[in-house]
Amino acid sequence: MAKVEIYTWRTCPFCVRAKGLLDRKGVSYTEHAVDGDEPGRDAMAARGDGRRSVPQIFIDDRHIGGCDDLHALERSGELDPLLNA
């Protein structure tokens, strides 16, 4: 099973939506809450092509992007192969 990491803010609706998709798929993930954590957010941006918006999602250290990107992968059928790599 792939290693999944998601950078979030606890009150972010897009973060909740992205985690909901992962939860429905039975995927375990590591959550990095960056609420008020500028060094954590800087680390996220360094990994995610400079993107500072949340969520930022990584599968096996590959930057997937945000909530819309995750759902687009699901719709296109590309998410399951990434998760089961």
Protein backbone atom coordinates (compact mmCIF):
# COMPACT_ATOMS: atom_id res chain seq x y z
CA MET A 1 0.00 0.00 0.00
CA ALA A 2 1.22 3.46 -0.87
CA LYS A 3 2.40 5.99 1.71
CA VAL A 4 -0.10 8.86 1.72
CA GLU A 5 0.50 12.22 3.38
CA ILE A 6 -1.89 15.15 3.51
CA TYR A 7 -1.15 18.66 4.78
CA THR A 8 -4.27 20.27 6.25
CA TRP A 9 -5.87 22.98 8.31
CA ARG A 10 -8.40 21.52 10.73
CA THR A 11 -11.25 23.81 9.65
CA CYS A 12 -10.60 23.67 5.88
CA PRO A 13 -13.63 22.24 4.00
CA PHE A 14 -11.44 21.08 1.10
CA CYS A 15 -9.21 19.21 3.55
CA VAL A 16 -12.27 17.51 5.08
CA ARG A 17 -13.48 16.57 1.59
CA ALA A 18 -10.11 15.13 0.55
CA LYS A 19 -9.77 13.14 3.78
CA GLY A 20 -13.34 11.92 3.31
CA LEU A 21 -12.47 10.42 -0.08
CA LEU A 22 -9.40 8.71 1.37
CA ASP A 23 -11.43 7.45 4.34
CA ARG A 24 -14.15 6.03 2.05
CA LYS A 25 -11.45 4.18 0.14
CA GLY A 26 -10.04 2.76 3.38
CA VAL A 27 -6.70 4.49 2.86
CA SER A 28 -4.53 5.18 5.88
CA TYR A 29 -2.64 8.45 5.72
CA THR A 30 -0.41 10.69 7.76
CA GLU A 31 -1.96 14.08 8.41
CA HIS A 32 0.24 17.12 8.92
CA ALA A 33 -1.90 19.90 10.42
CA VAL A 34 -0.24 23.20 9.53
CA ASP A 35 -2.71 25.55 11.28
CA GLY A 36 -0.52 28.41 12.49
CA ASP A 37 2.63 26.37 11.79
CA GLU A 38 4.61 28.52 9.36
CA PRO A 39 7.70 26.24 9.36
CA GLY A 40 5.38 23.29 8.62
CA ARG A 41 3.68 25.24 5.86
CA ASP A 42 7.08 26.23 4.44
CA ALA A 43 8.09 22.54 4.40
CA MET A 44 4.83 21.68 2.63
CA ALA A 45 5.42 24.39 0.02
CA ALA A 46 8.99 23.20 -0.54
CA ARG A 47 7.67 19.70 -1.30
CA GLY A 48 4.66 20.91 -3.29
CA ASP A 49 6.11 23.09 -6.03
CA GLY A 50 5.68 26.22 -3.90
CA ARG A 51 1.96 25.71 -3.35
CA ARG A 52 0.87 27.09 0.03
CA SER A 53 -2.83 26.28 -0.19
CA VAL A 54 -4.26 23.32 1.69
CA PRO A 55 -4.72 20.48 1.36
CA GLN A 56 -1.55 19.34 -0.35
CA ILE A 57 -1.48 15.60 -0.93
CA PHE A 58 1.48 13.31 -1.56
CA ILE A 59 1.38 9.63 -2.54
CA ASP A 60 4.72 7.84 -2.19
CA ASP A 61 6.41 11.27 -2.04
CA ARG A 62 4.83 12.25 -5.38
CA HIS A 63 3.01 15.58 -5.20
CA ILE A 64 -0.61 14.98 -6.21
CA GLY A 65 -1.89 18.49 -5.50
CA GLY A 66 -5.03 19.55 -3.70
CA CYS A 67 -8.57 18.31 -3.17
CA ASP A 68 -9.73 18.91 -6.77
CA ASP A 69 -6.64 17.12 -8.10
CA LEU A 70 -7.32 14.11 -5.86
CA HIS A 71 -10.96 13.91 -6.97
CA ALA A 72 -9.93 14.28 -10.63
CA LEU A 73 -7.62 11.28 -10.24
CA GLU A 74 -10.51 9.34 -8.71
CA ARG A 75 -12.87 10.25 -11.57
CA SER A 76 -10.31 9.28 -14.21
CA GLY A 77 -9.60 5.92 -12.55
CA GLU A 78 -5.97 6.85 -11.88
CA LEU A 79 -6.17 7.08 -8.07
CA ASP A 80 -6.50 3.38 -7.21
CA PRO A 81 -3.35 2.33 -9.12
CA LEU A 82 -1.38 5.06 -7.28
CA LEU A 83 -2.74 3.94 -3.92
CA ASN A 84 -2.07 0.28 -4.59
CA ALA A 85 1.44 0.72 -5.98
